[in-house]
Each structure stands twice: as structure tokens, then as C-alpha cells.
């Protein structure tokens, strides 16, 4: 999607059954268990902070397992519903 990138600072929290980790490139020395959700937001800084989030893919490098969640929503004050934070779950994006 053209014009859907961002130059804002982006943040992610993965919430699992056994804990959570916050990072853009996610690494964790502990097992988070089954991932239940991911919260994504940005600081709304930069000259073009709005961002369209199509999907999130999480891969467990130890097991090789992965999951993909669709979002297809904007994180932008001037697009969609104006929110710059989304919580993504298997059931969808809010």
C-alpha cells in the first residue's frame, strides 16, 4: 500500500501465557508460552508518522513455529479512527 510506512518510533509488546516482552525486534531469553496478543503503537513523531499495519508475524526461532495475525488498520491520527495504538489477537485487530 503506497504511503503506508512511517518514520515514527514504533513499539511492540507481545503478551504470552507466561509473560511479556517489549521490543521492535523481539528476542526473549525466557519462554512466553502461547502468544495471546501483540500491542503495537508509535510516538506520533516525525514528518509522516501515520502507518498502515497489514499484519504481524511472530516466529519462535527455537521451535520454528509461527503465527500471523491480520490487522489491516491505520495507526494514524488522520486516518481510520484516529488511533495510534492497536492490540492484535487471533480474533482480530482493535
PDB file of N, CA and C in Angstrom:
ATOM      1  N   UNK A   1       0.847  -1.165   0.000  1.00  0.00           N
ATOM      2  CA  UNK A   1       0.000   0.000   0.000  1.00  0.00           C
ATOM      3  C   UNK A   1       0.895   1.231   0.000  1.00  0.00           C
ATOM      4  N   UNK A   2       0.770   2.076  -0.997  1.00  0.00           N
ATOM      5  CA  UNK A   2       1.576   3.290  -1.099  1.00  0.00           C
ATOM      6  C   UNK A   2       1.258   4.260   0.028  1.00  0.00           C
ATOM      7  N   UNK A   3       2.305   4.893   0.581  1.00  0.00           N
ATOM      8  CA  UNK A   3       2.131   5.880   1.628  1.00  0.00           C
ATOM      9  C   UNK A   3       1.754   5.307   2.972  1.00  0.00           C
ATOM     10  N   UNK A   4       1.966   4.008   3.173  1.00  0.00           N
ATOM     11  CA  UNK A   4       1.536   3.360   4.408  1.00  0.00           C
ATOM     12  C   UNK A   4       2.670   3.135   5.399  1.00  0.00           C
ATOM     13  N   UNK A   5       3.875   3.627   5.112  1.00  0.00           N
ATOM     14  CA  UNK A   5       5.005   3.465   6.026  1.00  0.00           C
ATOM     15  C   UNK A   5       5.045   4.575   7.045  1.00  0.00           C
ATOM     16  N   UNK A   6       6.016   4.522   7.942  1.00  0.00           N
ATOM     17  CA  UNK A   6       6.145   5.529   8.995  1.00  0.00           C
ATOM     18  C   UNK A   6       7.602   5.872   9.243  1.00  0.00           C
ATOM     19  N   UNK A   7       7.838   7.077   9.746  1.00  0.00           N
ATOM     20  CA  UNK A   7       9.161   7.426  10.249  1.00  0.00           C
ATOM     21  C   UNK A   7       9.091   7.692  11.752  1.00  0.00           C
ATOM     22  N   UNK A   8       7.976   7.342  12.375  1.00  0.00           N
ATOM     23  CA  UNK A   8       7.809   7.492  13.824  1.00  0.00           C
ATOM     24  C   UNK A   8       8.499   6.352  14.561  1.00  0.00           C
ATOM     25  N   UNK A   9       8.753   6.536  15.858  1.00  0.00           N
ATOM     26  CA  UNK A   9       9.280   5.467  16.710  1.00  0.00           C
ATOM     27  C   UNK A   9       8.158   4.470  16.967  1.00  0.00           C
ATOM     28  N   UNK A  10       8.371   3.199  16.609  1.00  0.00           N
ATOM     29  CA  UNK A  10       7.356   2.151  16.722  1.00  0.00           C
ATOM     30  C   UNK A  10       7.718   1.226  17.881  1.00  0.00           C
ATOM     31  N   UNK A  11       6.696   0.760  18.618  1.00  0.00           N
ATOM     32  CA  UNK A  11       6.900  -0.131  19.761  1.00  0.00           C
ATOM     33  C   UNK A  11       5.943  -1.310  19.671  1.00  0.00           C
ATOM     34  N   UNK A  12       6.367  -2.454  20.239  1.00  0.00           N
ATOM     35  CA  UNK A  12       5.566  -3.673  20.234  1.00  0.00           C
ATOM     36  C   UNK A  12       5.695  -4.343  21.590  1.00  0.00           C
ATOM     37  N   UNK A  13       4.583  -4.864  22.119  1.00  0.00           N
ATOM     38  CA  UNK A  13       4.609  -5.736  23.301  1.00  0.00           C
ATOM     39  C   UNK A  13       3.917  -7.034  22.908  1.00  0.00           C
ATOM     40  N   UNK A  14       4.585  -8.166  23.106  1.00  0.00           N
ATOM     41  CA  UNK A  14       3.957  -9.472  22.933  1.00  0.00           C
ATOM     42  C   UNK A  14       3.552  -9.984  24.302  1.00  0.00           C
ATOM     43  N   UNK A  15       2.308 -10.400  24.440  1.00  0.00           N
ATOM     44  CA  UNK A  15       1.803 -10.924  25.697  1.00  0.00           C
ATOM     45  C   UNK A  15       1.535 -12.405  25.540  1.00  0.00           C
ATOM     46  N   UNK A  16       2.229 -13.213  26.330  1.00  0.00           N
ATOM     47  CA  UNK A  16       2.049 -14.657  26.291  1.00  0.00           C
ATOM     48  C   UNK A  16       1.459 -15.174  27.583  1.00  0.00           C
ATOM     49  N   UNK A  17       1.173 -16.464  27.624  1.00  0.00           N
ATOM     50  CA  UNK A  17       0.593 -17.081  28.812  1.00  0.00           C
ATOM     51  C   UNK A  17       1.561 -17.055  29.992  1.00  0.00           C
ATOM     52  N   UNK A  18       2.867 -16.942  29.712  1.00  0.00           N
ATOM     53  CA  UNK A  18       3.875 -16.991  30.771  1.00  0.00           C
ATOM     54  C   UNK A  18       4.596 -15.668  30.981  1.00  0.00           C
ATOM     55  N   UNK A  19       4.205 -14.617  30.286  1.00  0.00           N
ATOM     56  CA  UNK A  19       4.875 -13.334  30.454  1.00  0.00           C
ATOM     57  C   UNK A  19       4.771 -12.479  29.209  1.00  0.00           C
ATOM     58  N   UNK A  20       5.546 -11.382  29.192  1.00  0.00           N
ATOM     59  CA  UNK A  20       5.526 -10.482  28.047  1.00  0.00           C
ATOM     60  C   UNK A  20       6.919  -9.937  27.796  1.00  0.00           C
ATOM     61  N   UNK A  21       7.112  -9.388  26.598  1.00  0.00           N
ATOM     62  CA  UNK A  21       8.377  -8.772  26.223  1.00  0.00           C
ATOM     63  C   UNK A  21       8.047  -7.581  25.323  1.00  0.00           C
ATOM     64  N   UNK A  22       8.809  -6.503  25.471  1.00  0.00           N
ATOM     65  CA  UNK A  22       8.589  -5.296  24.674  1.00  0.00           C
ATOM     66  C   UNK A  22       9.832  -5.022  23.852  1.00  0.00           C
ATOM     67  N   UNK A  23       9.663  -4.935  22.529  1.00  0.00           N
ATOM     68  CA  UNK A  23      10.780  -4.678  21.633  1.00  0.00           C
ATOM     69  C   UNK A  23      10.251  -4.543  20.215  1.00  0.00           C
ATOM     70  N   UNK A  24      11.051  -3.991  19.318  1.00  0.00           N
ATOM     71  CA  UNK A  24      10.669  -3.960  17.911  1.00  0.00           C
ATOM     72  C   UNK A  24      11.131  -5.249  17.237  1.00  0.00           C
ATOM     73  N   UNK A  25      12.400  -5.600  17.449  1.00  0.00           N
ATOM     74  CA  UNK A  25      12.883  -6.919  17.041  1.00  0.00           C
ATOM     75  C   UNK A  25      12.823  -7.751  18.304  1.00  0.00           C
ATOM     76  N   UNK A  26      11.876  -8.658  18.385  1.00  0.00           N
ATOM     77  CA  UNK A  26      11.581  -9.363  19.629  1.00  0.00           C
ATOM     78  C   UNK A  26      12.581 -10.487  19.865  1.00  0.00           C
ATOM     79  N   UNK A  27      13.223 -10.419  21.016  1.00  0.00           N
ATOM     80  CA  UNK A  27      14.032 -11.526  21.496  1.00  0.00           C
ATOM     81  C   UNK A  27      13.719 -11.695  22.972  1.00  0.00           C
ATOM     82  N   UNK A  28      13.730 -12.907  23.425  1.00  0.00           N
ATOM     83  CA  UNK A  28      13.463 -13.157  24.837  1.00  0.00           C
ATOM     84  C   UNK A  28      14.255 -14.372  25.286  1.00  0.00           C
ATOM     85  N   UNK A  29      14.854 -14.274  26.448  1.00  0.00           N
ATOM     86  CA  UNK A  29      15.611 -15.401  26.987  1.00  0.00           C
ATOM     87  C   UNK A  29      14.689 -16.368  27.723  1.00  0.00           C
ATOM     88  N   UNK A  30      13.432 -15.998  27.877  1.00  0.00           N
ATOM     89  CA  UNK A  30      12.502 -16.884  28.570  1.00  0.00           C
ATOM     90  C   UNK A  30      11.336 -17.253  27.652  1.00  0.00           C
ATOM     91  N   UNK A  31      10.722 -18.361  27.946  1.00  0.00           N
ATOM     92  CA  UNK A  31       9.571 -18.848  27.194  1.00  0.00           C
ATOM     93  C   UNK A  31       8.348 -18.021  27.579  1.00  0.00           C
ATOM     94  N   UNK A  32       7.683 -17.411  26.605  1.00  0.00           N
ATOM     95  CA  UNK A  32       6.476 -16.628  26.864  1.00  0.00           C
ATOM     96  C   UNK A  32       5.219 -17.481  26.829  1.00  0.00           C
ATOM     97  N   UNK A  33       5.345 -18.744  26.443  1.00  0.00           N
ATOM     98  CA  UNK A  33       4.169 -19.580  26.284  1.00  0.00           C
ATOM     99  C   UNK A  33       3.458 -19.226  24.988  1.00  0.00           C
ATOM    100  N   UNK A  34       2.237 -19.666  24.849  1.00  0.00           N
ATOM    101  CA  UNK A  34       1.463 -19.347  23.657  1.00  0.00           C
ATOM    102  C   UNK A  34       1.197 -17.842  23.629  1.00  0.00           C
ATOM    103  N   UNK A  35       1.499 -17.202  22.514  1.00  0.00           N
ATOM    104  CA  UNK A  35       1.303 -15.760  22.386  1.00  0.00           C
ATOM    105  C   UNK A  35      -0.188 -15.480  22.238  1.00  0.00           C
ATOM    106  N   UNK A  36      -0.697 -14.636  23.130  1.00  0.00           N
ATOM    107  CA  UNK A  36      -2.120 -14.317  23.146  1.00  0.00           C
ATOM    108  C   UNK A  36      -2.434 -13.028  22.402  1.00  0.00           C
ATOM    109  N   UNK A  37      -1.490 -12.073  22.421  1.00  0.00           N
ATOM    110  CA  UNK A  37      -1.762 -10.787  21.788  1.00  0.00           C
ATOM    111  C   UNK A  37      -0.465 -10.031  21.536  1.00  0.00           C
ATOM    112  N   UNK A  38      -0.568  -9.018  20.706  1.00  0.00           N
ATOM    113  CA  UNK A  38       0.526  -8.084  20.469  1.00  0.00           C
ATOM    114  C   UNK A  38      -0.076  -6.682  20.479  1.00  0.00           C
ATOM    115  N   UNK A  39       0.572  -5.772  21.195  1.00  0.00           N
ATOM    116  CA  UNK A  39       0.150  -4.377  21.214  1.00  0.00           C
ATOM    117  C   UNK A  39       1.192  -3.567  20.467  1.00  0.00           C
ATOM    118  N   UNK A  40       0.759  -2.796  19.490  1.00  0.00           N
ATOM    119  CA  UNK A  40       1.653  -2.031  18.622  1.00  0.00           C
ATOM    120  C   UNK A  40       1.234  -0.571  18.692  1.00  0.00           C
ATOM    121  N   UNK A  41       2.221   0.337  18.815  1.00  0.00           N
ATOM    122  CA  UNK A  41       1.932   1.762  18.812  1.00  0.00           C
ATOM    123  C   UNK A  41       3.144   2.524  18.340  1.00  0.00           C
ATOM    124  N   UNK A  42       2.962   3.809  18.081  1.00  0.00           N
ATOM    125  CA  UNK A  42       4.087   4.678  17.762  1.00  0.00           C
ATOM    126  C   UNK A  42       3.924   5.994  18.506  1.00  0.00           C
ATOM    127  N   UNK A  43       4.984   6.784  18.547  1.00  0.00           N
ATOM    128  CA  UNK A  43       5.002   8.028  19.316  1.00  0.00           C
ATOM    129  C   UNK A  43       4.413   9.219  18.573  1.00  0.00           C
ATOM    130  N   UNK A  44       3.938   8.998  17.351  1.00  0.00           N
ATOM    131  CA  UNK A  44       3.349  10.056  16.537  1.00  0.00           C
ATOM    132  C   UNK A  44       4.336  11.200  16.296  1.00  0.00           C
ATOM    133  N   UNK A  45       5.610  10.840  16.163  1.00  0.00           N
ATOM    134  CA  UNK A  45       6.648  11.835  15.876  1.00  0.00           C
ATOM    135  C   UNK A  45       7.124  11.665  14.439  1.00  0.00           C
ATOM    136  N   UNK A  46       7.951  12.577  13.981  1.00  0.00           N
ATOM    137  CA  UNK A  46       8.450  12.530  12.604  1.00  0.00           C
ATOM    138  C   UNK A  46       7.513  13.267  11.665  1.00  0.00           C
ATOM    139  N   UNK A  47       7.922  13.391  10.422  1.00  0.00           N
ATOM    140  CA  UNK A  47       7.140  14.153   9.454  1.00  0.00           C
ATOM    141  C   UNK A  47       5.998  13.347   8.846  1.00  0.00           C
ATOM    142  N   UNK A  48       6.045  12.024   8.949  1.00  0.00           N
ATOM    143  CA  UNK A  48       4.988  11.170   8.404  1.00  0.00           C
ATOM    144  C   UNK A  48       4.724   9.996   9.317  1.00  0.00           C
ATOM    145  N   UNK A  49       4.164  10.234  10.507  1.00  0.00           N
ATOM    146  CA  UNK A  49       4.053   9.153  11.491  1.00  0.00           C
ATOM    147  C   UNK A  49       2.955   8.135  11.198  1.00  0.00           C
ATOM    148  N   UNK A  50       1.926   8.483  10.442  1.00  0.00           N
ATOM    149  CA  UNK A  50       0.850   7.546  10.165  1.00  0.00           C
ATOM    150  C   UNK A  50       1.369   6.275   9.519  1.00  0.00           C
ATOM    151  N   UNK A  51       0.783   5.141   9.901  1.00  0.00           N
ATOM    152  CA  UNK A  51       1.295   3.852   9.454  1.00  0.00           C
ATOM    153  C   UNK A  51       0.141   2.881   9.301  1.00  0.00           C
ATOM    154  N   UNK A  52       0.096   2.166   8.177  1.00  0.00           N
ATOM    155  CA  UNK A  52      -0.915   1.128   7.965  1.00  0.00           C
ATOM    156  C   UNK A  52      -0.308  -0.216   8.340  1.00  0.00           C
ATOM    157  N   UNK A  53      -0.911  -0.895   9.308  1.00  0.00           N
ATOM    158  CA  UNK A  53      -0.439  -2.197   9.770  1.00  0.00           C
ATOM    159  C   UNK A  53      -1.271  -3.276   9.106  1.00  0.00           C
ATOM    160  N   UNK A  54      -0.669  -3.974   8.161  1.00  0.00           N
ATOM    161  CA  UNK A  54      -1.371  -5.048   7.461  1.00  0.00           C
ATOM    162  C   UNK A  54      -1.474  -6.309   8.303  1.00  0.00           C
ATOM    163  N   UNK A  55      -0.342  -6.733   8.852  1.00  0.00           N
ATOM    164  CA  UNK A  55      -0.300  -7.980   9.605  1.00  0.00           C
ATOM    165  C   UNK A  55       0.935  -8.022  10.491  1.00  0.00           C
ATOM    166  N   UNK A  56       0.930  -8.965  11.418  1.00  0.00           N
ATOM    167  CA  UNK A  56       2.074  -9.232  12.295  1.00  0.00           C
ATOM    168  C   UNK A  56       2.377 -10.720  12.205  1.00  0.00           C
ATOM    169  N   UNK A  57       3.642 -11.040  12.054  1.00  0.00           N
ATOM    170  CA  UNK A  57       4.061 -12.442  12.073  1.00  0.00           C
ATOM    171  C   UNK A  57       5.053 -12.627  13.208  1.00  0.00           C
ATOM    172  N   UNK A  58       4.803 -13.632  14.042  1.00  0.00           N
ATOM    173  CA  UNK A  58       5.680 -13.974  15.161  1.00  0.00           C
ATOM    174  C   UNK A  58       6.226 -15.367  14.908  1.00  0.00           C
ATOM    175  N   UNK A  59       7.556 -15.508  14.952  1.00  0.00           N
ATOM    176  CA  UNK A  59       8.204 -16.800  14.728  1.00  0.00           C
ATOM    177  C   UNK A  59       9.022 -17.179  15.948  1.00  0.00           C
ATOM    178  N   UNK A  60       8.828 -18.388  16.430  1.00  0.00           N
ATOM    179  CA  UNK A  60       9.626 -18.927  17.518  1.00  0.00           C
ATOM    180  C   UNK A  60      10.849 -19.586  16.894  1.00  0.00           C
ATOM    181  N   UNK A  61      12.017 -18.970  17.057  1.00  0.00           N
ATOM    182  CA  UNK A  61      13.236 -19.472  16.421  1.00  0.00           C
ATOM    183  C   UNK A  61      13.683 -20.814  16.994  1.00  0.00           C
ATOM    184  N   UNK A  62      13.246 -21.160  18.217  1.00  0.00           N
ATOM    185  CA  UNK A  62      13.632 -22.441  18.803  1.00  0.00           C
ATOM    186  C   UNK A  62      12.823 -23.594  18.229  1.00  0.00           C
ATOM    187  N   UNK A  63      11.511 -23.361  18.046  1.00  0.00           N
ATOM    188  CA  UNK A  63      10.652 -24.440  17.567  1.00  0.00           C
ATOM    189  C   UNK A  63      10.377 -24.361  16.069  1.00  0.00           C
ATOM    190  N   UNK A  64      10.590 -23.171  15.480  1.00  0.00           N
ATOM    191  CA  UNK A  64      10.271 -22.974  14.077  1.00  0.00           C
ATOM    192  C   UNK A  64       8.802 -22.667  13.835  1.00  0.00           C
ATOM    193  N   UNK A  65       7.989 -22.717  14.883  1.00  0.00           N
ATOM    194  CA  UNK A  65       6.564 -22.421  14.746  1.00  0.00           C
ATOM    195  C   UNK A  65       6.339 -20.933  14.549  1.00  0.00           C
ATOM    196  N   UNK A  66       5.262 -20.584  13.882  1.00  0.00           N
ATOM    197  CA  UNK A  66       4.952 -19.175  13.680  1.00  0.00           C
ATOM    198  C   UNK A  66       3.445 -18.965  13.666  1.00  0.00           C
ATOM    199  N   UNK A  67       3.048 -17.725  13.874  1.00  0.00           N
ATOM    200  CA  UNK A  67       1.651 -17.345  13.755  1.00  0.00           C
ATOM    201  C   UNK A  67       1.588 -15.986  13.090  1.00  0.00           C
ATOM    202  N   UNK A  68       0.541 -15.771  12.346  1.00  0.00           N
ATOM    203  CA  UNK A  68       0.339 -14.498  11.648  1.00  0.00           C
ATOM    204  C   UNK A  68      -1.043 -13.981  11.996  1.00  0.00           C
ATOM    205  N   UNK A  69      -1.098 -12.701  12.398  1.00  0.00           N
ATOM    206  CA  UNK A  69      -2.369 -12.048  12.699  1.00  0.00           C
ATOM    207  C   UNK A  69      -2.586 -10.929  11.706  1.00  0.00           C
ATOM    208  N   UNK A  70      -3.761 -10.874  11.139  1.00  0.00           N
ATOM    209  CA  UNK A  70      -4.125  -9.775  10.256  1.00  0.00           C
ATOM    210  C   UNK A  70      -4.648  -8.603  11.073  1.00  0.00           C
ATOM    211  N   UNK A  71      -4.331  -7.402  10.629  1.00  0.00           N
ATOM    212  CA  UNK A  71      -4.843  -6.200  11.279  1.00  0.00           C
ATOM    213  C   UNK A  71      -5.552  -5.315  10.263  1.00  0.00           C
ATOM    214  N   UNK A  72      -4.850  -4.908   9.224  1.00  0.00           N
ATOM    215  CA  UNK A  72      -5.393  -4.084   8.150  1.00  0.00           C
ATOM    216  C   UNK A  72      -6.055  -2.809   8.686  1.00  0.00           C
ATOM    217  N   UNK A  73      -5.357  -2.124   9.608  1.00  0.00           N
ATOM    218  CA  UNK A  73      -5.843  -0.871  10.196  1.00  0.00           C
ATOM    219  C   UNK A  73      -4.721   0.155  10.203  1.00  0.00           C
ATOM    220  N   UNK A  74      -5.097   1.423  10.236  1.00  0.00           N
ATOM    221  CA  UNK A  74      -4.136   2.513  10.336  1.00  0.00           C
ATOM    222  C   UNK A  74      -3.803   2.797  11.788  1.00  0.00           C
ATOM    223  N   UNK A  75      -2.552   3.157  12.039  1.00  0.00           N
ATOM    224  CA  UNK A  75      -2.109   3.758  13.288  1.00  0.00           C
ATOM    225  C   UNK A  75      -1.783   5.192  12.905  1.00  0.00           C
ATOM    226  N   UNK A  76      -2.788   6.053  12.935  1.00  0.00           N
ATOM    227  CA  UNK A  76      -2.634   7.415  12.434  1.00  0.00           C
ATOM    228  C   UNK A  76      -3.739   8.295  13.001  1.00  0.00           C
ATOM    229  N   UNK A  77      -3.383   9.499  13.391  1.00  0.00           N
ATOM    230  CA  UNK A  77      -4.382  10.428  13.919  1.00  0.00           C
ATOM    231  C   UNK A  77      -5.291  10.974  12.828  1.00  0.00           C
ATOM    232  N   UNK A  78      -4.849  10.903  11.573  1.00  0.00           N
ATOM    233  CA  UNK A  78      -5.632  11.465  10.472  1.00  0.00           C
ATOM    234  C   UNK A  78      -6.191  10.402   9.522  1.00  0.00           C
ATOM    235  N   UNK A  79      -6.197   9.150   9.938  1.00  0.00           N
ATOM    236  CA  UNK A  79      -6.740   8.054   9.130  1.00  0.00           C
ATOM    237  C   UNK A  79      -7.596   7.157  10.024  1.00  0.00           C
ATOM    238  N   UNK A  80      -8.482   6.384   9.406  1.00  0.00           N
ATOM    239  CA  UNK A  80      -9.261   5.368  10.109  1.00  0.00           C
ATOM    240  C   UNK A  80      -9.977   6.004  11.305  1.00  0.00           C
ATOM    241  N   UNK A  81      -9.792   5.479  12.506  1.00  0.00           N
ATOM    242  CA  UNK A  81     -10.467   6.013  13.696  1.00  0.00           C
ATOM    243  C   UNK A  81      -9.577   6.947  14.520  1.00  0.00           C
ATOM    244  N   UNK A  82      -8.392   7.303  13.985  1.00  0.00           N
ATOM    245  CA  UNK A  82      -7.511   8.251  14.656  1.00  0.00           C
ATOM    246  C   UNK A  82      -6.630   7.666  15.741  1.00  0.00           C
ATOM    247  N   UNK A  83      -6.652   6.360  15.942  1.00  0.00           N
ATOM    248  CA  UNK A  83      -5.849   5.732  16.997  1.00  0.00           C
ATOM    249  C   UNK A  83      -4.437   5.436  16.501  1.00  0.00           C
ATOM    250  N   UNK A  84      -3.452   5.564  17.400  1.00  0.00           N
ATOM    251  CA  UNK A  84      -2.062   5.253  17.067  1.00  0.00           C
ATOM    252  C   UNK A  84      -1.572   4.029  17.836  1.00  0.00           C
ATOM    253  N   UNK A  85      -2.502   3.285  18.421  1.00  0.00           N
ATOM    254  CA  UNK A  85      -2.189   2.032  19.115  1.00  0.00           C
ATOM    255  C   UNK A  85      -3.218   0.991  18.720  1.00  0.00           C
ATOM    256  N   UNK A  86      -2.744  -0.240  18.484  1.00  0.00           N
ATOM    257  CA  UNK A  86      -3.619  -1.369  18.152  1.00  0.00           C
ATOM    258  C   UNK A  86      -3.231  -2.573  18.989  1.00  0.00           C
ATOM    259  N   UNK A  87      -4.225  -3.339  19.410  1.00  0.00           N
ATOM    260  CA  UNK A  87      -3.992  -4.630  20.057  1.00  0.00           C
ATOM    261  C   UNK A  87      -4.455  -5.694  19.097  1.00  0.00           C
ATOM    262  N   UNK A  88      -3.562  -6.597  18.746  1.00  0.00           N
ATOM    263  CA  UNK A  88      -3.845  -7.644  17.770  1.00  0.00           C
ATOM    264  C   UNK A  88      -3.930  -8.977  18.482  1.00  0.00           C
ATOM    265  N   UNK A  89      -5.006  -9.683  18.206  1.00  0.00           N
ATOM    266  CA  UNK A  89      -5.232 -11.023  18.764  1.00  0.00           C
ATOM    267  C   UNK A  89      -5.626 -11.946  17.622  1.00  0.00           C
ATOM    268  N   UNK A  90      -5.692 -13.226  17.924  1.00  0.00           N
ATOM    269  CA  UNK A  90      -6.115 -14.192  16.899  1.00  0.00           C
ATOM    270  C   UNK A  90      -7.493 -13.842  16.371  1.00  0.00           C
ATOM    271  N   UNK A  91      -8.338 -13.212  17.198  1.00  0.00           N
ATOM    272  CA  UNK A  91      -9.700 -12.892  16.798  1.00  0.00           C
ATOM    273  C   UNK A  91      -9.784 -11.604  15.971  1.00  0.00           C
ATOM    274  N   UNK A  92      -8.684 -10.856  15.876  1.00  0.00           N
ATOM    275  CA  UNK A  92      -8.702  -9.644  15.064  1.00  0.00           C
ATOM    276  C   UNK A  92      -7.945  -8.498  15.694  1.00  0.00           C
ATOM    277  N   UNK A  93      -8.081  -7.325  15.104  1.00  0.00           N
ATOM    278  CA  UNK A  93      -7.326  -6.125  15.498  1.00  0.00           C
ATOM    279  C   UNK A  93      -8.282  -5.083  16.037  1.00  0.00           C
ATOM    280  N   UNK A  94      -7.916  -4.493  17.206  1.00  0.00           N
ATOM    281  CA  UNK A  94      -8.721  -3.414  17.781  1.00  0.00           C
ATOM    282  C   UNK A  94      -7.888  -2.173  17.908  1.00  0.00           C
TER     283      UNK A  94
END
